[in-house]
Amino acid sequence: MLKKWLIGLFAVGLALAAAGCSGSGDNAAATNEEQASESAENTDNAEGAAGEEPAAEEVDPAIEYQKAFNAATIAEGKLNTLFHKDAAEDGTPVLNTVTKTSEAARELLLGYFEAALADQIIAHYVTDKTVDAGIVVNAEPFFPSTLQGLKFEDVTVEGTKEATTIATKDNVVYTVSWNEEGSRYIVTKIEKK
């Protein structure tokens, strides 16, 4: 008797399992159809949105001014590393011994300065004299002032991303512009007012 009862219980279990599978198959098919239709709707919405103009990102001028100031400070620091760091044994200033050539120095400067300004800097510093330590450079600073050691609060920054001016207290104005190609600010002009 117990054997018949277990066989019956087993048969009922199989029947329920089979019914459950076929019902979930119908549910699965319905779910797949719903997902497909939602996916199509989302694709249509995405295509419609792609044709629309994206919302312009708001740019905080204070953050852009800080970035422009930082870029000018870094540019001046690179210039100092190239032309004011190394010296021969007798104290003669020489071009950075790692950079070694005026062409390499110009290439480095192009990452931080506009080409015309980089050429002016090279013309100011590089001489035709050499010593064992390398190319002799002009010891006179190119910048009439310095941003090194200054804080953002120590300067006056104004303008747009295309032309931001940074004025020091001693009336030296750095003009910095956004360079799309390099995705960074570069120094385009330096003048004493």
N, C-alpha and C. Protein backbone atom coordinates (compact mmCIF):
# COMPACT_ATOMS: atom_id res chain seq x y z
N MET A 1 0.80 -1.17 0.00
CA MET A 1 0.00 0.00 0.00
C MET A 1 0.85 1.25 0.00
N LEU A 2 1.84 1.23 0.79
CA LEU A 2 2.74 2.37 0.85
C LEU A 2 3.39 2.60 -0.50
N LYS A 3 3.66 1.50 -1.18
CA LYS A 3 4.29 1.59 -2.49
C LYS A 3 3.35 2.29 -3.46
N LYS A 4 2.06 1.94 -3.45
CA LYS A 4 1.09 2.56 -4.34
C LYS A 4 0.93 4.04 -4.01
N TRP A 5 0.92 4.31 -2.70
CA TRP A 5 0.77 5.71 -2.27
C TRP A 5 1.95 6.55 -2.75
N LEU A 6 3.19 6.06 -2.64
CA LEU A 6 4.39 6.79 -3.10
C LEU A 6 4.37 6.96 -4.61
N ILE A 7 3.93 5.91 -5.34
CA ILE A 7 3.87 6.01 -6.79
C ILE A 7 2.84 7.07 -7.18
N GLY A 8 1.71 7.11 -6.50
CA GLY A 8 0.67 8.11 -6.77
C GLY A 8 1.18 9.52 -6.48
N LEU A 9 1.87 9.67 -5.35
CA LEU A 9 2.44 10.96 -4.97
C LEU A 9 3.46 11.42 -6.01
N PHE A 10 4.24 10.49 -6.47
CA PHE A 10 5.25 10.79 -7.49
C PHE A 10 4.58 11.23 -8.79
N ALA A 11 3.49 10.55 -9.17
CA ALA A 11 2.76 10.88 -10.39
C ALA A 11 2.13 12.27 -10.28
N VAL A 12 1.55 12.58 -9.13
CA VAL A 12 0.95 13.90 -8.92
C VAL A 12 2.04 14.97 -8.98
N GLY A 13 3.20 14.71 -8.39
CA GLY A 13 4.33 15.65 -8.42
C GLY A 13 4.78 15.93 -9.84
N LEU A 14 4.87 14.85 -10.65
CA LEU A 14 5.26 15.02 -12.05
C LEU A 14 4.22 15.83 -12.82
N ALA A 15 2.96 15.56 -12.55
CA ALA A 15 1.89 16.29 -13.24
C ALA A 15 1.95 17.78 -12.89
N LEU A 16 2.14 18.08 -11.63
CA LEU A 16 2.24 19.48 -11.20
C LEU A 16 3.47 20.15 -11.79
N ALA A 17 4.58 19.44 -11.82
CA ALA A 17 5.81 20.00 -12.39
C ALA A 17 5.61 20.28 -13.87
N ALA A 18 4.97 19.38 -14.58
CA ALA A 18 4.74 19.57 -16.01
C ALA A 18 3.82 20.76 -16.24
N ALA A 19 2.77 20.86 -15.40
CA ALA A 19 1.84 21.99 -15.54
C ALA A 19 2.56 23.30 -15.23
N GLY A 20 3.40 23.28 -14.24
CA GLY A 20 4.16 24.48 -13.88
C GLY A 20 5.09 24.90 -14.99
N CYS A 21 5.73 23.96 -15.64
CA CYS A 21 6.67 24.27 -16.73
C CYS A 21 5.93 24.86 -17.91
N SER A 22 4.77 24.28 -18.26
CA SER A 22 4.07 24.79 -19.44
C SER A 22 3.50 26.17 -19.14
N GLY A 23 3.06 26.41 -17.93
CA GLY A 23 2.54 27.73 -17.57
C GLY A 23 3.64 28.76 -17.54
N SER A 24 4.80 28.40 -17.01
CA SER A 24 5.90 29.37 -16.96
C SER A 24 6.44 29.61 -18.35
N GLY A 25 6.28 28.60 -19.24
CA GLY A 25 6.71 28.81 -20.63
C GLY A 25 5.85 29.88 -21.27
N ASP A 26 4.51 29.82 -20.99
CA ASP A 26 3.63 30.86 -21.52
C ASP A 26 4.01 32.21 -20.94
N ASN A 27 4.29 32.23 -19.63
CA ASN A 27 4.70 33.49 -18.99
C ASN A 27 6.02 33.98 -19.56
N ALA A 28 6.93 33.05 -19.81
CA ALA A 28 8.23 33.43 -20.35
C ALA A 28 8.07 34.02 -21.73
N ALA A 29 7.18 33.41 -22.53
CA ALA A 29 6.95 33.94 -23.88
C ALA A 29 6.36 35.33 -23.80
N ALA A 30 5.40 35.51 -22.88
CA ALA A 30 4.77 36.82 -22.73
C ALA A 30 5.80 37.84 -22.25
N THR A 31 6.63 37.42 -21.31
CA THR A 31 7.66 38.32 -20.79
C THR A 31 8.63 38.71 -21.90
N ASN A 32 9.03 37.74 -22.72
CA ASN A 32 9.95 38.04 -23.83
C ASN A 32 9.32 39.02 -24.81
N GLU A 33 8.00 38.83 -25.10
CA GLU A 33 7.32 39.75 -26.00
C GLU A 33 7.26 41.15 -25.41
N GLU A 34 6.99 41.25 -24.10
CA GLU A 34 6.94 42.56 -23.44
C GLU A 34 8.30 43.24 -23.49
N GLN A 35 9.35 42.47 -23.22
CA GLN A 35 10.69 43.04 -23.25
C GLN A 35 11.06 43.52 -24.65
N ALA A 36 10.67 42.75 -25.67
CA ALA A 36 10.97 43.13 -27.05
C ALA A 36 10.26 44.43 -27.40
N SER A 37 8.98 44.56 -26.98
CA SER A 37 8.25 45.77 -27.31
C SER A 37 8.81 46.97 -26.55
N GLU A 38 9.21 46.77 -25.29
CA GLU A 38 9.84 47.86 -24.52
C GLU A 38 11.15 48.26 -25.15
N SER A 39 11.93 47.30 -25.61
CA SER A 39 13.20 47.57 -26.25
C SER A 39 13.00 48.40 -27.51
N ALA A 40 11.97 48.05 -28.30
CA ALA A 40 11.68 48.79 -29.52
C ALA A 40 11.29 50.22 -29.18
N GLU A 41 10.47 50.39 -28.12
CA GLU A 41 10.08 51.73 -27.70
C GLU A 41 11.29 52.54 -27.26
N ASN A 42 12.17 51.92 -26.49
CA ASN A 42 13.38 52.60 -26.04
C ASN A 42 14.26 53.00 -27.21
N THR A 43 14.36 52.14 -28.22
CA THR A 43 15.16 52.46 -29.40
C THR A 43 14.55 53.64 -30.12
N ASP A 44 13.20 53.65 -30.27
CA ASP A 44 12.53 54.77 -30.91
C ASP A 44 12.78 56.06 -30.13
N ASN A 45 12.68 55.99 -28.80
CA ASN A 45 12.93 57.17 -27.98
C ASN A 45 14.36 57.65 -28.10
N ALA A 46 15.30 56.72 -28.13
CA ALA A 46 16.71 57.09 -28.25
C ALA A 46 16.97 57.74 -29.60
N GLU A 47 16.33 57.21 -30.66
CA GLU A 47 16.52 57.80 -31.98
C GLU A 47 15.94 59.20 -32.02
N GLY A 48 14.80 59.39 -31.39
CA GLY A 48 14.19 60.72 -31.33
C GLY A 48 15.07 61.68 -30.55
N ALA A 49 15.64 61.21 -29.45
CA ALA A 49 16.49 62.05 -28.63
C ALA A 49 17.79 62.37 -29.34
N ALA A 50 18.28 61.44 -30.16
CA ALA A 50 19.54 61.68 -30.86
C ALA A 50 19.40 62.80 -31.86
N GLY A 51 18.21 62.98 -32.43
CA GLY A 51 18.00 64.05 -33.38
C GLY A 51 17.90 65.41 -32.71
N GLU A 52 17.60 65.42 -31.44
CA GLU A 52 17.47 66.67 -30.70
C GLU A 52 18.84 67.18 -30.28
N GLU A 53 18.93 68.48 -30.06
CA GLU A 53 20.16 69.08 -29.56
C GLU A 53 20.37 68.68 -28.11
N PRO A 54 21.58 68.24 -27.75
CA PRO A 54 21.81 67.92 -26.34
C PRO A 54 21.82 69.22 -25.53
N ALA A 55 21.39 69.09 -24.31
CA ALA A 55 21.38 70.26 -23.44
C ALA A 55 22.82 70.71 -23.20
N ALA A 56 23.04 72.00 -23.31
CA ALA A 56 24.39 72.55 -23.11
C ALA A 56 24.78 72.40 -21.64
N GLU A 57 25.99 71.93 -21.43
CA GLU A 57 26.47 71.79 -20.07
C GLU A 57 26.81 73.16 -19.53
N GLU A 58 26.35 73.42 -18.34
CA GLU A 58 26.66 74.70 -17.73
C GLU A 58 28.08 74.63 -17.18
N VAL A 59 28.85 75.66 -17.52
CA VAL A 59 30.23 75.72 -17.08
C VAL A 59 30.34 76.79 -16.01
N ASP A 60 30.89 76.41 -14.88
CA ASP A 60 31.08 77.35 -13.79
C ASP A 60 32.30 78.21 -14.10
N PRO A 61 32.13 79.53 -14.29
CA PRO A 61 33.27 80.38 -14.63
C PRO A 61 34.38 80.34 -13.58
N ALA A 62 34.03 80.21 -12.31
CA ALA A 62 35.05 80.18 -11.26
C ALA A 62 35.97 78.97 -11.43
N ILE A 63 35.40 77.85 -11.82
CA ILE A 63 36.21 76.64 -12.03
C ILE A 63 37.10 76.83 -13.25
N GLU A 64 36.54 77.41 -14.32
CA GLU A 64 37.34 77.65 -15.53
C GLU A 64 38.46 78.65 -15.25
N TYR A 65 38.19 79.67 -14.46
CA TYR A 65 39.23 80.64 -14.10
C TYR A 65 40.35 79.96 -13.32
N GLN A 66 39.97 79.09 -12.41
CA GLN A 66 40.98 78.35 -11.63
C GLN A 66 41.83 77.48 -12.55
N LYS A 67 41.18 76.80 -13.51
CA LYS A 67 41.91 75.95 -14.46
C LYS A 67 42.88 76.79 -15.29
N ALA A 68 42.43 77.97 -15.74
CA ALA A 68 43.28 78.85 -16.55
C ALA A 68 44.48 79.31 -15.73
N PHE A 69 44.24 79.70 -14.49
CA PHE A 69 45.34 80.13 -13.61
C PHE A 69 46.33 78.99 -13.39
N ASN A 70 45.81 77.80 -13.10
CA ASN A 70 46.69 76.64 -12.90
C ASN A 70 47.52 76.35 -14.15
N ALA A 71 46.90 76.46 -15.33
CA ALA A 71 47.61 76.19 -16.58
C ALA A 71 48.75 77.19 -16.78
N ALA A 72 48.50 78.46 -16.50
CA ALA A 72 49.55 79.48 -16.65
C ALA A 72 50.67 79.24 -15.65
N THR A 73 50.33 78.87 -14.44
CA THR A 73 51.35 78.59 -13.42
C THR A 73 52.20 77.39 -13.81
N ILE A 74 51.57 76.35 -14.31
CA ILE A 74 52.30 75.15 -14.74
C ILE A 74 53.19 75.48 -15.93
N ALA A 75 52.67 76.27 -16.87
CA ALA A 75 53.46 76.65 -18.05
C ALA A 75 54.72 77.39 -17.63
N GLU A 76 54.57 78.32 -16.70
CA GLU A 76 55.74 79.06 -16.21
C GLU A 76 56.71 78.12 -15.49
N GLY A 77 56.18 77.17 -14.76
CA GLY A 77 57.04 76.21 -14.08
C GLY A 77 57.85 75.37 -15.07
N LYS A 78 57.20 74.96 -16.18
CA LYS A 78 57.92 74.19 -17.22
C LYS A 78 59.03 75.04 -17.83
N LEU A 79 58.73 76.31 -18.09
CA LEU A 79 59.74 77.22 -18.63
C LEU A 79 60.93 77.33 -17.66
N ASN A 80 60.64 77.48 -16.40
CA ASN A 80 61.72 77.58 -15.40
C ASN A 80 62.56 76.31 -15.36
N THR A 81 61.91 75.16 -15.49
CA THR A 81 62.65 73.89 -15.50
C THR A 81 63.58 73.82 -16.71
N LEU A 82 63.12 74.31 -17.84
CA LEU A 82 63.94 74.27 -19.06
C LEU A 82 65.12 75.22 -19.02
N PHE A 83 64.90 76.44 -18.52
CA PHE A 83 65.91 77.48 -18.69
C PHE A 83 66.53 78.03 -17.41
N HIS A 84 65.99 77.71 -16.26
CA HIS A 84 66.51 78.29 -15.02
C HIS A 84 66.93 77.25 -13.99
N LYS A 85 66.96 76.00 -14.36
CA LYS A 85 67.26 74.95 -13.38
C LYS A 85 68.72 74.52 -13.42
N ASP A 86 69.25 74.28 -14.60
CA ASP A 86 70.59 73.70 -14.72
C ASP A 86 71.66 74.76 -14.98
N ALA A 87 72.85 74.44 -14.52
CA ALA A 87 73.98 75.34 -14.72
C ALA A 87 75.26 74.51 -14.86
N ALA A 88 76.23 75.10 -15.55
CA ALA A 88 77.54 74.46 -15.66
C ALA A 88 78.25 74.59 -14.32
N GLU A 89 79.40 73.95 -14.19
CA GLU A 89 80.14 73.99 -12.91
C GLU A 89 80.50 75.40 -12.50
N ASP A 90 80.74 76.28 -13.49
CA ASP A 90 81.10 77.66 -13.16
C ASP A 90 79.88 78.55 -12.91
N GLY A 91 78.67 77.96 -12.94
CA GLY A 91 77.45 78.71 -12.67
C GLY A 91 76.76 79.25 -13.91
N THR A 92 77.35 79.04 -15.10
CA THR A 92 76.73 79.48 -16.34
C THR A 92 75.41 78.74 -16.55
N PRO A 93 74.32 79.48 -16.75
CA PRO A 93 73.03 78.81 -16.95
C PRO A 93 73.00 78.07 -18.30
N VAL A 94 72.49 76.85 -18.27
CA VAL A 94 72.41 76.05 -19.49
C VAL A 94 71.00 75.49 -19.64
N LEU A 95 70.69 75.15 -20.89
CA LEU A 95 69.41 74.51 -21.19
C LEU A 95 69.32 73.20 -20.40
N ASN A 96 68.15 72.88 -19.96
CA ASN A 96 67.93 71.66 -19.20
C ASN A 96 68.69 70.50 -19.82
N THR A 97 69.50 69.85 -19.03
CA THR A 97 70.40 68.80 -19.55
C THR A 97 69.65 67.56 -20.02
N VAL A 98 68.43 67.38 -19.59
CA VAL A 98 67.64 66.25 -20.08
C VAL A 98 67.08 66.58 -21.46
N THR A 99 66.65 67.81 -21.65
CA THR A 99 66.07 68.24 -22.93
C THR A 99 67.14 68.37 -24.00
N LYS A 100 68.24 68.98 -23.69
CA LYS A 100 69.47 69.08 -24.50
C LYS A 100 69.40 69.96 -25.74
N THR A 101 68.33 69.99 -26.52
CA THR A 101 68.32 70.78 -27.75
C THR A 101 67.20 71.82 -27.72
N SER A 102 67.41 72.89 -28.49
CA SER A 102 66.38 73.93 -28.55
C SER A 102 65.12 73.40 -29.22
N GLU A 103 65.26 72.47 -30.16
CA GLU A 103 64.10 71.87 -30.82
C GLU A 103 63.25 71.08 -29.84
N ALA A 104 63.92 70.31 -29.00
CA ALA A 104 63.20 69.53 -27.99
C ALA A 104 62.54 70.46 -26.96
N ALA A 105 63.23 71.55 -26.62
CA ALA A 105 62.66 72.52 -25.69
C ALA A 105 61.42 73.17 -26.29
N ARG A 106 61.48 73.51 -27.57
CA ARG A 106 60.32 74.11 -28.25
C ARG A 106 59.14 73.14 -28.26
N GLU A 107 59.40 71.88 -28.56
CA GLU A 107 58.34 70.87 -28.58
C GLU A 107 57.66 70.77 -27.21
N LEU A 108 58.45 70.81 -26.16
CA LEU A 108 57.89 70.77 -24.81
C LEU A 108 57.05 72.02 -24.55
N LEU A 109 57.56 73.16 -24.94
CA LEU A 109 56.83 74.42 -24.71
C LEU A 109 55.50 74.46 -25.45
N LEU A 110 55.42 73.81 -26.61
CA LEU A 110 54.19 73.83 -27.40
C LEU A 110 53.01 73.18 -26.67
N GLY A 111 53.27 72.40 -25.67
CA GLY A 111 52.19 71.83 -24.86
C GLY A 111 51.61 72.83 -23.88
N TYR A 112 52.29 73.97 -23.70
CA TYR A 112 51.87 74.94 -22.68
C TYR A 112 51.72 76.36 -23.21
N PHE A 113 52.33 76.64 -24.37
CA PHE A 113 52.32 77.97 -24.95
C PHE A 113 51.90 77.90 -26.42
N GLU A 114 51.29 78.98 -26.90
CA GLU A 114 50.99 79.10 -28.32
C GLU A 114 52.30 79.12 -29.09
N ALA A 115 52.31 78.64 -30.33
CA ALA A 115 53.54 78.48 -31.12
C ALA A 115 54.33 79.78 -31.22
N ALA A 116 53.67 80.90 -31.51
CA ALA A 116 54.39 82.17 -31.66
C ALA A 116 55.07 82.56 -30.35
N LEU A 117 54.41 82.34 -29.24
CA LEU A 117 54.99 82.67 -27.93
C LEU A 117 56.13 81.70 -27.60
N ALA A 118 55.97 80.44 -27.94
CA ALA A 118 57.05 79.46 -27.71
C ALA A 118 58.29 79.86 -28.50
N ASP A 119 58.11 80.35 -29.72
CA ASP A 119 59.25 80.81 -30.52
C ASP A 119 59.93 82.02 -29.89
N GLN A 120 59.14 82.93 -29.34
CA GLN A 120 59.71 84.11 -28.64
C GLN A 120 60.52 83.67 -27.43
N ILE A 121 60.02 82.70 -26.70
CA ILE A 121 60.72 82.21 -25.51
C ILE A 121 62.05 81.57 -25.90
N ILE A 122 62.03 80.74 -26.95
CA ILE A 122 63.26 80.10 -27.43
C ILE A 122 64.26 81.17 -27.87
N ALA A 123 63.78 82.17 -28.63
CA ALA A 123 64.66 83.24 -29.11
C ALA A 123 65.25 84.03 -27.93
N HIS A 124 64.48 84.20 -26.88
CA HIS A 124 64.96 84.93 -25.70
C HIS A 124 66.05 84.16 -24.96
N TYR A 125 65.86 82.88 -24.79
CA TYR A 125 66.77 82.11 -23.94
C TYR A 125 67.96 81.47 -24.65
N VAL A 126 67.74 80.84 -25.76
CA VAL A 126 68.78 80.02 -26.38
C VAL A 126 69.82 80.90 -27.07
N THR A 127 71.07 80.63 -26.74
CA THR A 127 72.18 81.34 -27.38
C THR A 127 72.93 80.38 -28.30
N ASP A 128 73.90 80.91 -29.03
CA ASP A 128 74.71 80.04 -29.90
C ASP A 128 75.96 79.54 -29.19
N LYS A 129 76.08 79.82 -27.91
CA LYS A 129 77.23 79.39 -27.12
C LYS A 129 76.95 78.03 -26.47
N THR A 130 78.00 77.25 -26.32
CA THR A 130 77.88 75.98 -25.60
C THR A 130 79.04 75.83 -24.64
N VAL A 131 78.82 75.02 -23.65
CA VAL A 131 79.86 74.61 -22.71
C VAL A 131 79.73 73.10 -22.58
N ASP A 132 80.62 72.49 -21.84
CA ASP A 132 80.56 71.03 -21.68
C ASP A 132 79.20 70.56 -21.15
N ALA A 133 78.56 71.39 -20.34
CA ALA A 133 77.28 71.01 -19.74
C ALA A 133 76.11 71.17 -20.70
N GLY A 134 76.29 71.87 -21.82
CA GLY A 134 75.20 72.03 -22.79
C GLY A 134 75.12 73.41 -23.38
N ILE A 135 73.94 73.76 -23.89
CA ILE A 135 73.70 75.05 -24.53
C ILE A 135 73.53 76.13 -23.48
N VAL A 136 74.30 77.21 -23.62
CA VAL A 136 74.20 78.33 -22.70
C VAL A 136 72.90 79.08 -22.98
N VAL A 137 72.20 79.47 -21.91
CA VAL A 137 70.95 80.21 -22.05
C VAL A 137 71.06 81.57 -21.37
N ASN A 138 70.22 82.48 -21.79
CA ASN A 138 70.13 83.81 -21.20
C ASN A 138 69.60 83.67 -19.77
N ALA A 139 70.28 84.27 -18.82
CA ALA A 139 69.88 84.17 -17.42
C ALA A 139 68.72 85.10 -17.08
N GLU A 140 68.49 86.10 -17.92
CA GLU A 140 67.40 87.06 -17.69
C GLU A 140 66.06 86.38 -17.89
N PRO A 141 65.15 86.45 -16.92
CA PRO A 141 63.85 85.79 -17.06
C PRO A 141 63.02 86.37 -18.21
N PHE A 142 62.29 85.53 -18.88
CA PHE A 142 61.40 85.96 -19.96
C PHE A 142 60.18 86.66 -19.40
N PHE A 143 59.64 86.12 -18.30
CA PHE A 143 58.46 86.70 -17.68
C PHE A 143 58.84 87.94 -16.89
N PRO A 144 58.11 89.05 -17.07
CA PRO A 144 58.41 90.25 -16.29
C PRO A 144 57.92 90.13 -14.84
N SER A 145 57.20 89.08 -14.54
CA SER A 145 56.69 88.81 -13.20
C SER A 145 56.62 87.30 -13.07
N THR A 146 56.13 86.83 -11.95
CA THR A 146 56.01 85.38 -11.80
C THR A 146 54.70 85.02 -11.13
N LEU A 147 54.15 83.90 -11.55
CA LEU A 147 52.97 83.35 -10.89
C LEU A 147 53.38 82.32 -9.84
N GLN A 148 54.63 81.90 -9.89
CA GLN A 148 55.11 80.89 -8.95
C GLN A 148 54.98 81.40 -7.52
N GLY A 149 54.36 80.60 -6.69
CA GLY A 149 54.16 80.96 -5.28
C GLY A 149 52.91 81.78 -5.03
N LEU A 150 52.23 82.23 -6.10
CA LEU A 150 50.99 83.00 -5.91
C LEU A 150 49.81 82.06 -5.77
N LYS A 151 48.80 82.53 -5.08
CA LYS A 151 47.54 81.81 -4.96
C LYS A 151 46.54 82.45 -5.90
N PHE A 152 45.47 81.74 -6.17
CA PHE A 152 44.42 82.24 -7.05
C PHE A 152 43.90 83.59 -6.55
N GLU A 153 43.84 83.74 -5.24
CA GLU A 153 43.32 84.98 -4.64
C GLU A 153 44.27 86.16 -4.86
N ASP A 154 45.53 85.89 -5.21
CA ASP A 154 46.53 86.94 -5.40
C ASP A 154 46.47 87.59 -6.78
N VAL A 155 45.65 87.06 -7.68
CA VAL A 155 45.58 87.58 -9.04
C VAL A 155 44.13 87.93 -9.38
N THR A 156 43.97 88.68 -10.47
CA THR A 156 42.64 89.00 -10.97
C THR A 156 42.44 88.23 -12.26
N VAL A 157 41.41 87.38 -12.29
CA VAL A 157 41.16 86.54 -13.47
C VAL A 157 39.79 86.91 -14.01
N GLU A 158 39.75 87.13 -15.35
CA GLU A 158 38.48 87.43 -15.98
C GLU A 158 38.54 87.07 -17.46
N GLY A 159 37.37 87.04 -18.09
CA GLY A 159 37.32 86.74 -19.51
C GLY A 159 36.48 85.51 -19.79
N THR A 160 36.76 84.91 -20.94
CA THR A 160 36.03 83.73 -21.40
C THR A 160 37.01 82.59 -21.59
N LYS A 161 36.48 81.44 -21.93
CA LYS A 161 37.32 80.27 -22.17
C LYS A 161 38.26 80.53 -23.35
N GLU A 162 37.79 81.33 -24.31
CA GLU A 162 38.60 81.63 -25.49
C GLU A 162 39.72 82.62 -25.19
N ALA A 163 39.54 83.47 -24.19
CA ALA A 163 40.57 84.45 -23.82
C ALA A 163 40.40 84.86 -22.36
N THR A 164 41.11 84.19 -21.50
CA THR A 164 41.08 84.49 -20.07
C THR A 164 42.33 85.28 -19.72
N THR A 165 42.16 86.37 -19.00
CA THR A 165 43.33 87.17 -18.59
C THR A 165 43.58 86.96 -17.10
N ILE A 166 44.85 86.88 -16.77
CA ILE A 166 45.29 86.73 -15.38
C ILE A 166 46.23 87.88 -15.11
N ALA A 167 45.82 88.80 -14.26
CA ALA A 167 46.62 89.99 -13.97
C ALA A 167 47.22 89.89 -12.57
N THR A 168 48.54 90.14 -12.50
CA THR A 168 49.22 90.13 -11.21
C THR A 168 49.15 91.54 -10.61
N LYS A 169 49.51 91.65 -9.35
CA LYS A 169 49.48 92.95 -8.68
C LYS A 169 50.50 93.93 -9.26
N ASP A 170 51.55 93.41 -9.90
CA ASP A 170 52.54 94.29 -10.52
C ASP A 170 52.25 94.52 -12.01
N ASN A 171 50.97 94.39 -12.38
CA ASN A 171 50.45 94.72 -13.72
C ASN A 171 51.02 93.90 -14.87
N VAL A 172 51.30 92.66 -14.64
CA VAL A 172 51.65 91.76 -15.72
C VAL A 172 50.41 90.94 -16.03
N VAL A 173 50.05 90.87 -17.31
CA VAL A 173 48.83 90.18 -17.72
C VAL A 173 49.19 88.99 -18.60
N TYR A 174 48.75 87.83 -18.17
CA TYR A 174 48.89 86.59 -18.92
C TYR A 174 47.56 86.35 -19.62
N THR A 175 47.58 86.06 -20.90
CA THR A 175 46.35 85.69 -21.60
C THR A 175 46.42 84.19 -21.87
N VAL A 176 45.36 83.50 -21.48
CA VAL A 176 45.29 82.06 -21.59
C VAL A 176 44.05 81.71 -22.40
N SER A 177 44.19 80.76 -23.32
CA SER A 177 43.06 80.36 -24.16
C SER A 177 42.92 78.84 -24.15
N TRP A 178 41.69 78.40 -24.36
CA TRP A 178 41.41 76.96 -24.43
C TRP A 178 41.88 76.44 -25.78
N ASN A 179 42.67 75.38 -25.76
CA ASN A 179 43.16 74.75 -26.97
C ASN A 179 42.39 73.45 -27.17
N GLU A 180 41.52 73.44 -28.17
CA GLU A 180 40.69 72.26 -28.43
C GLU A 180 41.53 71.03 -28.76
N GLU A 181 42.56 71.23 -29.56
CA GLU A 181 43.40 70.10 -29.99
C GLU A 181 44.05 69.39 -28.81
N GLY A 182 44.57 70.18 -27.88
CA GLY A 182 45.22 69.59 -26.71
C GLY A 182 44.28 69.40 -25.53
N SER A 183 43.05 69.89 -25.65
CA SER A 183 42.06 69.84 -24.56
C SER A 183 42.62 70.41 -23.27
N ARG A 184 43.22 71.59 -23.40
CA ARG A 184 43.77 72.25 -22.22
C ARG A 184 43.95 73.74 -22.49
N TYR A 185 44.19 74.49 -21.43
CA TYR A 185 44.49 75.91 -21.58
C TYR A 185 45.98 76.06 -21.92
N ILE A 186 46.26 77.02 -22.80
CA ILE A 186 47.65 77.36 -23.11
C ILE A 186 47.83 78.86 -23.00
N VAL A 187 49.05 79.29 -22.70
CA VAL A 187 49.36 80.71 -22.59
C VAL A 187 49.58 81.25 -24.00
N THR A 188 48.87 82.34 -24.34
CA THR A 188 48.99 82.90 -25.69
C THR A 188 49.71 84.24 -25.70
N LYS A 189 49.73 84.93 -24.54
CA LYS A 189 50.38 86.24 -24.53
C LYS A 189 50.76 86.60 -23.09
N ILE A 190 51.85 87.35 -22.96
CA ILE A 190 52.27 87.87 -21.66
C ILE A 190 52.69 89.32 -21.91
N GLU A 191 52.14 90.24 -21.16
CA GLU A 191 52.52 91.64 -21.36
C GLU A 191 52.52 92.40 -20.05
N LYS A 192 53.38 93.40 -19.99
CA LYS A 192 53.45 94.29 -18.83
C LYS A 192 52.59 95.49 -19.16
N LYS A 193 51.63 95.81 -18.32
CA LYS A 193 50.71 96.95 -18.56
C LYS A 193 51.24 98.20 -17.89
